[in-house]
Protein backbone atom coordinates (compact mmCIF):
# COMPACT_ATOMS: atom_id res chain seq x y z
CA MET A 1 131.17 -10.32 58.42
CA HIS A 2 133.91 -7.83 57.39
CA GLY A 3 137.01 -8.77 59.10
CA THR A 4 135.74 -11.90 60.48
CA HIS A 5 135.99 -15.68 59.73
CA LEU A 6 133.45 -16.59 56.95
CA PHE A 7 134.01 -20.26 57.04
CA LYS A 8 133.95 -22.97 59.87
CA LYS A 9 137.42 -24.28 60.33
CA ASP A 10 135.65 -27.84 60.26
CA ASP A 11 134.33 -27.00 56.32
CA MET A 12 138.38 -26.66 55.59
CA THR A 13 140.04 -29.20 53.75
CA ASN A 14 143.66 -28.89 52.86
CA GLN A 15 143.31 -26.68 49.63
CA THR A 16 147.06 -27.13 48.74
CA LYS A 17 146.52 -30.91 49.31
CA ILE A 18 149.88 -32.93 48.77
CA VAL A 19 150.02 -33.81 44.96
CA GLU A 20 153.01 -35.55 43.75
CA ARG A 21 155.22 -33.36 41.68
CA VAL A 22 158.33 -34.96 39.77
CA PHE A 23 160.30 -32.63 37.70
CA SER A 24 163.08 -34.35 35.50
CA GLY A 25 164.19 -31.47 33.43
CA PRO A 26 167.68 -29.34 33.83
CA GLU A 27 167.89 -27.97 36.99
CA LEU A 28 168.03 -24.43 35.75
CA CYS A 29 164.53 -24.90 34.30
CA GLY A 30 163.15 -25.28 37.56
CA LEU A 31 164.26 -22.05 38.68
CA PRO A 32 162.03 -18.68 38.98
CA ALA A 33 162.65 -16.57 36.01
CA ARG A 34 163.93 -13.57 38.41
CA GLU A 35 166.53 -15.96 40.19
CA VAL A 36 167.64 -16.83 36.44
CA VAL A 37 167.90 -13.39 35.71
CA SER A 38 169.86 -12.46 38.56
CA LEU A 39 172.20 -15.28 37.57
CA LEU A 40 172.67 -13.63 34.24
CA LYS A 41 173.46 -10.32 35.47
CA ALA A 42 176.22 -11.51 37.88
CA GLY A 43 177.71 -13.37 35.01
CA GLU A 44 177.12 -16.88 36.75
CA VAL A 45 175.11 -18.19 33.93
CA THR A 46 175.27 -17.54 30.22
CA SER A 47 172.22 -17.29 27.95
CA SER A 48 173.92 -19.80 25.76
CA GLU A 49 173.42 -22.29 28.51
CA LEU A 50 169.98 -21.30 29.26
CA LEU A 51 168.74 -22.09 25.51
CA ASP A 52 170.60 -25.34 26.06
CA ALA A 53 168.68 -26.09 29.21
CA ALA A 54 165.15 -24.76 27.48
CA PHE A 55 165.70 -26.88 24.18
CA THR A 56 166.62 -30.14 26.24
CA ARG A 57 163.11 -29.45 28.15
CA ILE A 58 161.39 -28.75 25.14
CA GLN A 59 162.55 -32.04 23.45
CA MET A 60 161.57 -34.10 26.55
CA VAL A 61 158.02 -33.19 27.03
CA GLU A 62 156.76 -31.55 23.71
CA PRO A 63 155.72 -35.04 22.21
CA THR A 64 153.49 -35.40 25.24
CA VAL A 65 152.06 -31.79 25.87
CA ASN A 66 152.34 -30.26 22.22
CA ALA A 67 152.76 -26.73 23.88
CA MET A 68 155.33 -24.93 21.83
CA PRO A 69 155.01 -26.43 18.19
CA THR A 70 157.07 -23.99 16.43
CA LEU A 71 160.68 -23.47 17.43
CA CYS A 72 163.11 -21.00 16.32
CA GLU A 73 166.47 -22.09 17.86
CA ASP A 74 168.75 -20.72 15.14
CA ARG A 75 167.37 -17.29 15.38
CA ALA A 76 167.35 -17.59 19.23
CA ARG A 77 171.04 -18.44 19.05
CA ALA A 78 171.85 -15.62 16.69
CA ALA A 79 169.79 -13.18 19.27
CA CYS A 80 171.73 -14.59 22.10
CA ASP A 81 175.10 -13.95 20.49
CA ARG A 82 173.95 -10.46 19.65
CA LEU A 83 173.05 -9.63 23.13
CA GLU A 84 176.38 -11.07 24.68
CA LYS A 85 178.13 -9.03 22.27
CA ASP A 86 176.23 -5.72 23.24
CA GLN A 87 176.83 -5.98 26.87
CA LEU A 88 180.30 -7.09 26.75
CA VAL A 89 181.59 -5.23 23.37
CA ASN A 90 179.29 -2.16 23.61
CA GLY A 91 178.39 -1.93 27.03
CA LYS A 92 174.65 -2.20 26.66
CA GLU A 93 172.36 -2.57 29.73
CA PRO A 94 170.82 -6.23 29.97
CA GLY A 95 167.41 -4.88 30.26
CA TRP A 96 164.79 -6.48 32.31
CA LEU A 97 165.26 -9.98 31.20
CA ALA A 98 168.73 -9.70 30.27
CA GLY A 99 168.90 -12.86 27.81
CA LEU A 100 166.20 -15.16 29.37
CA PRO A 101 164.48 -17.51 27.15
CA ILE A 102 160.70 -16.83 26.56
CA GLY A 103 157.55 -17.89 24.56
CA ILE A 104 155.36 -15.94 22.22
CA LYS A 105 151.99 -17.09 21.48
CA ASP A 106 150.99 -17.74 17.74
CA LEU A 107 148.91 -15.07 17.07
CA THR A 108 151.73 -12.46 17.48
CA MET A 109 154.07 -11.86 14.86
CA VAL A 110 157.92 -12.62 15.38
CA GLU A 111 159.81 -11.51 12.37
CA GLY A 112 161.35 -14.64 10.37
CA VAL A 113 159.17 -17.29 12.39
CA LEU A 114 156.47 -19.22 11.37
CA THR A 115 153.15 -17.46 12.61
CA THR A 116 150.20 -19.16 11.79
CA TYR A 117 147.29 -17.88 14.04
CA ALA A 118 146.33 -21.39 14.39
CA THR A 119 144.37 -21.46 10.97
CA ILE A 120 145.10 -23.38 7.69
CA GLY A 121 144.92 -20.32 5.76
CA LEU A 122 148.08 -19.00 7.40
CA LYS A 123 149.79 -22.47 7.93
CA ASP A 124 153.10 -20.79 5.93
CA PHE A 125 152.95 -17.72 6.93
CA VAL A 126 156.18 -15.94 8.04
CA PRO A 127 156.18 -12.27 8.79
CA GLN A 128 158.57 -9.89 7.63
CA ILE A 129 158.41 -7.71 10.57
CA SER A 130 157.52 -8.24 14.51
CA ASP A 131 154.97 -7.12 16.55
CA PRO A 132 155.70 -3.99 18.57
CA LEU A 133 155.50 -5.80 21.75
CA VAL A 134 157.98 -8.57 20.49
CA ASP A 135 160.19 -5.88 19.49
CA ARG A 136 160.02 -4.43 23.13
CA LEU A 137 160.59 -7.76 25.00
CA GLU A 138 163.81 -8.17 22.56
CA ASN A 139 165.01 -5.07 23.04
CA ARG A 140 164.85 -5.61 26.77
CA GLY A 141 166.85 -8.86 27.05
CA GLY A 142 163.94 -11.55 25.84
CA ILE A 143 165.29 -14.37 23.63
CA ILE A 144 162.40 -15.85 21.56
CA VAL A 145 162.58 -19.59 21.85
CA GLY A 146 159.33 -20.61 20.07
CA LYS A 147 155.91 -19.99 19.46
CA THR A 148 152.90 -21.51 21.93
CA ASN A 149 149.88 -23.37 20.44
CA SER A 150 146.49 -21.61 20.46
CA PRO A 151 142.85 -22.41 18.99
CA GLU A 152 142.39 -20.95 15.83
CA PHE A 153 142.58 -17.12 15.96
CA GLY A 154 142.50 -17.66 19.99
CA ALA A 155 138.55 -18.37 19.62
CA GLY A 156 137.92 -20.92 22.25
CA GLY A 157 139.07 -21.98 25.96
CA ASN A 158 140.17 -25.25 24.56
CA THR A 159 143.65 -25.11 22.89
CA PHE A 160 143.49 -27.07 19.40
CA ASN A 161 143.65 -26.24 15.85
CA GLU A 162 143.85 -27.99 12.61
CA VAL A 163 147.50 -26.89 11.99
CA PHE A 164 149.24 -28.22 14.85
CA GLY A 165 146.53 -30.14 17.13
CA SER A 166 145.70 -30.20 20.80
CA THR A 167 147.86 -28.81 23.81
CA ARG A 168 147.05 -31.27 26.55
CA ASN A 169 147.18 -30.54 29.99
CA PRO A 170 150.28 -31.44 32.12
CA TRP A 171 148.44 -32.57 35.14
CA ASP A 172 146.68 -35.09 33.34
CA THR A 173 147.30 -35.67 29.70
CA ARG A 174 143.86 -36.78 28.66
CA LYS A 175 142.53 -33.34 29.56
CA ASN A 176 142.59 -29.92 27.88
CA ALA A 177 144.95 -26.92 29.14
CA GLY A 178 142.46 -24.16 28.53
CA GLY A 179 142.64 -21.60 26.00
CA SER A 180 143.32 -19.79 24.44
CA SER A 181 147.07 -19.36 25.77
CA GLY A 182 146.85 -22.82 26.27
CA GLY A 183 150.24 -23.47 24.84
CA ALA A 184 151.92 -20.78 27.07
CA ALA A 185 150.45 -22.09 30.17
CA VAL A 186 151.87 -25.70 29.61
CA SER A 187 155.32 -24.29 28.31
CA LEU A 188 155.70 -22.94 31.87
CA ALA A 189 154.12 -25.73 33.91
CA THR A 190 156.43 -28.10 32.46
CA GLY A 191 159.57 -26.36 32.58
CA GLU A 192 160.13 -25.45 28.95
CA VAL A 193 160.62 -21.81 29.68
CA TRP A 194 160.71 -19.30 32.61
CA LEU A 195 158.30 -17.07 31.34
CA SER A 196 155.50 -17.11 28.33
CA HIS A 197 153.76 -14.50 26.56
CA GLY A 198 149.67 -14.54 26.31
CA SER A 199 146.63 -12.42 25.44
CA ASP A 200 143.23 -12.25 26.36
CA LEU A 201 139.82 -11.52 25.15
CA ALA A 202 137.73 -14.01 27.10
CA GLY A 203 139.71 -15.41 29.63
CA SER A 204 142.44 -16.68 27.30
CA LEU A 205 145.25 -15.42 29.81
CA ARG A 206 143.04 -16.76 33.12
CA THR A 207 141.47 -20.11 32.08
CA PRO A 208 144.58 -21.66 31.04
CA ALA A 209 146.64 -20.27 34.13
CA GLY A 210 143.85 -21.72 36.27
CA TYR A 211 143.79 -24.96 34.46
CA CYS A 212 147.43 -25.43 34.56
CA GLY A 213 148.30 -24.15 37.72
CA VAL A 214 150.35 -21.27 37.04
CA VAL A 215 149.79 -17.22 36.81
CA GLY A 216 147.99 -15.12 33.91
CA MET A 217 147.30 -11.78 34.13
CA ARG A 218 145.32 -9.69 32.14
CA PRO A 219 146.61 -6.11 32.84
CA THR A 220 145.06 -2.91 32.52
CA PRO A 221 144.47 -2.33 28.65
CA GLY A 222 147.66 -0.66 27.09
CA ARG A 223 149.98 -1.65 30.05
CA ALA A 224 151.32 -4.45 27.61
CA ALA A 225 150.37 -3.29 24.45
CA GLY A 226 150.87 -4.97 21.20
CA GLY A 227 149.69 -3.99 17.81
CA SER A 228 146.77 -4.46 15.68
CA ALA A 229 146.61 -3.86 11.90
CA VAL A 230 143.00 -2.75 11.99
CA ALA A 231 141.63 -2.51 15.75
CA ALA A 232 144.32 -0.26 17.25
CA PHE A 233 141.65 1.59 19.02
CA LEU A 234 139.68 -1.59 20.66
CA ASN A 235 140.81 -2.63 24.35
CA GLU A 236 138.90 -5.76 24.84
CA ALA A 237 141.80 -8.32 23.52
CA THR A 238 144.82 -7.56 25.55
CA ALA A 239 148.34 -9.15 25.87
CA GLY A 240 149.71 -10.17 29.11
CA PRO A 241 152.46 -11.83 31.28
CA MET A 242 151.95 -15.74 32.19
CA ALA A 243 154.82 -17.00 34.81
CA ARG A 244 154.71 -19.71 37.56
CA ASP A 245 154.29 -17.27 40.38
CA VAL A 246 153.43 -13.52 41.05
CA GLU A 247 156.97 -12.23 41.61
CA ASP A 248 157.96 -13.75 38.17
CA THR A 249 154.75 -12.09 36.69
CA ALA A 250 155.48 -8.78 37.67
CA LEU A 251 159.13 -8.96 36.35
CA PHE A 252 157.39 -9.80 32.86
CA LEU A 253 154.97 -7.17 33.23
CA ASP A 254 157.96 -4.62 33.74
CA ALA A 255 159.45 -5.97 30.62
CA MET A 256 156.23 -5.69 28.58
CA GLY A 257 155.38 -2.24 29.61
CA GLY A 258 155.76 1.43 27.92
CA TYR A 259 154.36 3.72 25.76
CA ASP A 260 154.72 2.89 22.22
CA PRO A 261 153.64 5.80 19.50
CA ARG A 262 152.65 2.80 17.24
CA ILE A 263 149.94 1.74 19.44
CA PRO A 264 147.54 4.60 20.50
CA LEU A 265 146.50 2.80 23.51
CA SER A 266 149.52 2.06 25.15
CA LEU A 267 150.68 3.53 28.87
CA THR A 268 153.72 4.65 30.07
CA SER A 269 155.50 2.72 32.74
CA PRO A 270 154.74 3.61 36.61
CA SER A 271 157.48 5.26 38.36
CA ALA A 272 158.33 2.16 40.79
CA SER A 273 158.53 -0.94 38.97
CA PHE A 274 155.92 -3.58 39.32
CA GLN A 275 158.61 -5.88 41.18
CA GLU A 276 159.00 -3.27 43.66
CA SER A 277 155.51 -2.88 44.46
CA VAL A 278 155.37 -6.60 44.90
CA SER A 279 158.06 -6.68 47.21
CA LYS A 280 156.10 -4.36 49.31
CA ALA A 281 152.92 -6.78 49.91
CA ASP A 282 152.63 -7.60 53.34
CA GLY A 283 149.46 -9.75 53.47
CA LYS A 284 146.90 -6.93 54.68
CA VAL A 285 144.49 -7.32 51.98
CA ARG A 286 140.61 -6.27 51.94
CA ILE A 287 139.02 -8.61 49.33
CA ALA A 288 135.30 -9.17 48.32
CA PHE A 289 134.40 -12.55 47.32
CA SER A 290 131.82 -14.03 45.27
CA GLU A 291 131.12 -17.71 44.50
CA ASP A 292 129.27 -17.00 41.24
CA GLN A 293 128.69 -13.27 40.87
CA ASN A 294 125.23 -12.78 42.28
CA GLY A 295 124.36 -16.26 40.28
CA PHE A 296 125.65 -14.90 37.09
CA ALA A 297 127.25 -18.20 36.46
CA PRO A 298 127.12 -21.92 37.63
CA VAL A 299 129.86 -23.29 39.93
CA GLU A 300 130.55 -26.83 40.79
CA THR A 301 130.45 -27.49 44.44
CA GLU A 302 133.96 -28.92 44.51
CA ILE A 303 135.59 -25.64 43.14
CA ARG A 304 133.45 -23.54 45.49
CA GLU A 305 134.70 -25.29 47.97
CA VAL A 306 138.46 -24.82 47.01
CA LEU A 307 138.01 -21.09 46.47
CA ARG A 308 136.21 -20.96 50.07
CA ASN A 309 139.22 -22.60 51.68
CA ALA A 310 141.58 -20.22 49.64
CA MET A 311 139.52 -17.65 51.31
CA THR A 312 139.96 -18.97 54.73
CA ALA A 313 143.61 -19.11 54.34
CA ILE A 314 143.69 -15.67 53.52
CA GLU A 315 141.78 -14.56 56.80
CA GLY A 316 144.29 -16.61 58.57
CA SER A 317 147.18 -14.28 57.37
CA TYR A 318 146.04 -11.09 58.30
CA GLY A 319 143.60 -10.56 55.45
CA GLU A 320 140.12 -9.57 55.60
CA VAL A 321 137.34 -11.33 53.47
CA GLU A 322 133.73 -10.32 52.81
CA GLU A 323 131.18 -11.77 50.67
CA ALA A 324 129.88 -9.38 48.50
CA CYS A 325 129.40 -8.39 44.69
CA PRO A 326 128.36 -5.29 42.96
CA ALA A 327 125.11 -5.04 40.72
CA LEU A 328 126.18 -6.73 37.20
CA ASP A 329 123.06 -6.04 35.33
CA GLY A 330 123.45 -6.66 31.50
CA LEU A 331 126.97 -7.60 31.65
CA HIS A 332 126.29 -10.77 29.49
CA GLU A 333 124.85 -9.02 26.80
CA THR A 334 127.39 -6.06 26.89
CA PHE A 335 130.02 -8.54 26.89
CA VAL A 336 129.09 -10.76 23.62
CA THR A 337 128.09 -7.37 21.96
CA LEU A 338 131.59 -5.78 22.59
CA ARG A 339 133.10 -9.34 21.54
CA GLY A 340 131.13 -9.37 18.33
CA VAL A 341 132.29 -5.85 17.63
CA PHE A 342 135.91 -6.97 17.94
CA TYR A 343 135.32 -10.06 15.81
CA GLY A 344 133.49 -8.08 13.24
CA THR A 345 136.47 -5.49 13.31
CA VAL A 346 139.37 -7.96 13.51
CA THR A 347 138.63 -11.41 12.24
CA ASP A 348 135.88 -10.68 9.67
CA ASN A 349 138.94 -8.68 7.98
CA ALA A 350 140.42 -11.73 6.81
CA PRO A 351 140.71 -12.40 3.07
CA PRO A 352 137.88 -15.06 2.01
CA GLU A 353 140.95 -17.61 1.10
CA ILE A 354 141.37 -17.52 4.77
CA GLN A 355 138.28 -17.68 5.93
CA LYS A 356 136.87 -20.38 4.21
CA HIS A 357 138.97 -22.61 6.58
CA PHE A 358 137.63 -21.28 9.85
CA LYS A 359 136.01 -23.59 12.49
CA PRO A 360 132.21 -23.77 12.90
CA THR A 361 132.52 -21.66 16.26
CA LEU A 362 134.75 -18.98 14.58
CA ARG A 363 132.51 -18.55 11.74
CA GLN A 364 129.68 -18.20 14.57
CA ASN A 365 131.50 -15.42 16.08
CA ILE A 366 131.82 -13.51 12.91
CA GLU A 367 128.20 -13.71 12.08
CA PHE A 368 127.19 -12.65 15.43
CA GLY A 369 129.34 -9.37 14.98
CA ARG A 370 128.22 -9.07 11.38
CA ASN A 371 124.37 -8.99 12.73
CA LEU A 372 124.83 -6.51 15.43
CA THR A 373 122.51 -3.58 15.37
CA ALA A 374 123.51 0.04 15.84
CA ALA A 375 120.91 -0.14 18.73
CA LYS A 376 122.77 -2.94 20.38
CA ILE A 377 126.26 -1.55 19.96
CA TYR A 378 125.10 1.93 21.42
CA GLU A 379 123.38 0.09 24.12
CA ALA A 380 126.56 -2.08 25.04
CA PHE A 381 128.67 1.20 25.28
CA ARG A 382 126.20 2.50 27.55
CA ASN A 383 126.05 -0.22 30.10
CA ARG A 384 129.77 -0.55 29.88
CA THR A 385 130.03 2.76 31.42
CA THR A 386 127.37 1.88 34.09
CA LEU A 387 129.24 -1.35 34.92
CA TYR A 388 132.59 0.57 35.06
CA HIS A 389 131.37 2.84 37.82
CA ASN A 390 129.49 0.05 39.64
CA MET A 391 133.22 -1.66 39.96
CA ARG A 392 134.95 1.65 40.52
CA LEU A 393 132.82 2.56 43.45
CA PHE A 394 132.65 -0.79 44.63
CA LEU A 395 136.33 -1.43 44.67
CA GLU A 396 136.78 1.75 46.83
CA LYS A 397 136.23 -0.25 49.94
CA TYR A 398 138.27 -3.32 48.84
CA ASP A 399 141.78 -4.19 47.25
CA ALA A 400 140.28 -6.93 44.74
CA LEU A 401 137.03 -8.73 44.02
CA ALA A 402 137.74 -12.40 44.14
CA ILE A 403 135.59 -14.78 41.72
CA PRO A 404 136.10 -18.10 40.10
CA VAL A 405 138.22 -18.40 37.30
CA VAL A 406 136.08 -20.90 35.50
CA GLY A 407 133.33 -22.90 37.43
CA ILE A 408 134.56 -26.40 36.30
CA GLU A 409 137.46 -28.17 36.27
CA PRO A 410 139.33 -29.27 32.87
CA GLY A 411 137.14 -31.91 30.88
CA MET A 412 138.79 -34.43 28.29
CA ILE A 413 140.52 -33.00 25.19
CA GLU A 414 137.97 -34.00 22.73
CA GLU A 415 135.49 -32.00 24.16
CA GLU A 416 135.52 -28.29 23.07
CA TYR A 417 133.74 -27.09 25.80
CA PRO A 418 131.65 -28.70 28.64
CA PRO A 419 127.88 -29.41 27.97
CA PHE A 420 126.90 -28.83 31.76
CA VAL A 421 128.23 -26.59 34.60
CA ASP A 422 126.79 -27.74 37.89
CA GLY A 423 123.51 -29.19 35.82
CA GLU A 424 123.55 -25.82 33.99
CA GLN A 425 123.51 -26.38 30.19
CA ILE A 426 126.09 -24.39 28.44
CA VAL A 427 124.58 -22.93 25.10
CA ASP A 428 127.98 -21.91 23.39
CA TYR A 429 131.83 -22.33 23.76
CA VAL A 430 131.89 -18.69 25.41
CA ASP A 431 128.92 -19.15 28.02
CA TRP A 432 131.26 -21.34 30.23
CA LEU A 433 133.58 -18.78 30.12
CA ARG A 434 131.38 -15.79 31.79
CA PHE A 435 133.78 -15.11 34.84
CA SER A 436 136.09 -13.57 32.35
CA PHE A 437 133.48 -11.09 31.01
CA LEU A 438 133.60 -8.67 34.09
CA SER A 439 137.31 -7.40 33.76
CA VAL A 440 137.23 -6.84 29.63
CA VAL A 441 133.86 -4.98 29.99
CA THR A 442 134.89 -2.66 32.75
CA ALA A 443 138.81 -2.17 31.77
CA LEU A 444 140.16 -3.43 35.07
CA PRO A 445 143.11 -5.41 35.42
CA SER A 446 142.75 -8.97 36.42
CA ILE A 447 144.94 -12.13 37.31
CA ALA A 448 144.50 -15.70 37.73
CA ILE A 449 146.42 -17.44 40.47
CA PRO A 450 146.18 -21.00 41.43
CA VAL A 451 144.95 -21.69 45.04
CA GLY A 452 144.30 -25.57 45.11
CA PHE A 453 143.36 -28.91 43.64
CA THR A 454 140.30 -30.96 42.84
CA ASN A 455 139.86 -34.53 44.35
CA SER A 456 141.05 -35.78 40.90
CA GLY A 457 144.42 -33.48 41.17
CA MET A 458 143.54 -30.90 38.98
CA PRO A 459 144.55 -27.25 39.87
CA VAL A 460 141.98 -24.61 40.58
CA GLY A 461 142.43 -20.91 40.30
CA ILE A 462 140.94 -17.84 41.76
CA GLN A 463 140.46 -14.76 39.67
CA LEU A 464 141.27 -11.51 41.10
CA ILE A 465 140.05 -8.08 39.72
CA GLY A 466 141.43 -4.73 40.82
CA PRO A 467 140.77 -0.97 40.45
CA PRO A 468 141.02 1.23 37.83
CA ASN A 469 144.88 1.13 36.48
CA GLY A 470 145.51 -0.86 39.77
CA ASP A 471 147.91 -3.10 38.27
CA ALA A 472 150.48 -2.83 41.02
CA ARG A 473 147.85 -3.13 43.93
CA LEU A 474 146.46 -6.16 42.42
CA LEU A 475 149.82 -7.79 42.24
CA GLN A 476 150.16 -7.20 45.65
CA VAL A 477 146.99 -8.81 46.53
CA ALA A 478 147.64 -11.77 44.66
CA ARG A 479 151.03 -12.25 46.16
CA ALA A 480 149.31 -11.98 49.40
CA VAL A 481 146.79 -14.58 48.57
CA GLU A 482 149.80 -17.01 46.97
CA GLU A 483 151.54 -16.79 50.31
CA ALA A 484 148.37 -17.48 52.35
CA VAL A 485 147.47 -20.57 50.18
CA LYS A 486 151.27 -22.06 49.75
CA PHE A 487 150.39 -23.42 46.18
CA PRO A 488 153.48 -25.15 45.08
CA ARG A 489 155.37 -23.19 42.35
CA THR A 490 157.97 -25.66 40.53
CA PRO A 491 157.30 -27.34 37.33
CA ILE A 492 156.12 -30.89 36.55
CA ASP A 493 156.53 -33.58 34.36
CA PRO A 494 153.44 -34.17 32.23
CA ILE A 495 151.28 -37.05 34.25
CA VAL A 496 150.14 -39.57 31.50
CA ILE A 497 146.96 -41.46 32.77
CA GLN A 498 145.76 -44.20 30.37
CA ASN A 499 142.24 -44.18 29.67
CA LEU A 500 140.62 -47.60 31.00
């Protein structure tokens, strides 16, 4: 089947069916980040004007979506003034972002800005230092306008917490936005900011991107490294870029990257920028496609149809698609064990006065980690190596493995996680996120990009997993897919649908 059409033409529907898009925000907010950066560098727009536009848009949509509950306007204005002075008076280079306003997830410290980790025990915490990743972004011209909403300590595929409440999906505000970078995804989809930072342990960059019609990339661990007070040598959770399209994602990844001695796993930036690499994408890609990873996870029929249509579009754009998937024996057990080690190392380190406020699912994560046996941990590390080599060898034949982001469209906001997917019962809140496991266990880069809509008008994303250290090629493949499916990339006004 390699190099031939997988699907009959009469099976196709319009994977980018016309969904009415209305955007009433400032015109600047609707432009791609890279175009705004070009305007900044050319002196055709100022950072102050961009801040005006961003805060105007935030005021317009925040009461409806609750994506960025913490703002730092005074700090942003001061940073803008310093940046403009550095450039005009001191001749400092503008950096990758050149004064572009951005959002930072509420799990990452920003000096002088409320950073709650979405938990009651830290509802008043204001750090005196920034995470190294934040330092890097600010040194490269990023202007932080606020903190985006997250579930408590990032635990969950639905963004809600007792500090700030729930973040709503802009495509239907009755529904959830995914998690844990749900606020980041919504801030992009609604045009509050041009780029928004996220992080990912079990799909936290990818799920909200898929649910909100934006791009979320989990890069190679160390590629966009942030700091950790207690887990500097764990690579299961990693920061990454979110944007409205692939080219802007590449820009943000360039701004995030680089070695930092404070972060032992951080990687040196490649000689060619990721933006340069994306500019060379030609649509000639070889993709392995698996609807359910050899039956590893359930997928609703409608999601399967949208993804198959996307594959057909890729084949129509000079790409090659083959239905294939490597052996993934032991993936589930390996992932949940590694995740348990992470929660036991990181979250269980929180003082009792903070832990006493944790929601039940977060407590369950910690308890699972505490109860892991040495034998289970040893087995997970051995099997992780096997899975990595299975994927490494498999991807010698393909540019990427394409799989779902999730197997179901967003549920109502009151539902923490779906009880069933395609008739299969979901046993806990991470079980429905199984498609996120593979790239975490194998430490391979992955990206979620929108490729179509369900019949109810909700975005559907596809996940691409690339080869070891293959971030640049993965972005090229994602760009080719993006061009093939032609998903619209402009922000929207939140769609408010009243329950009958």
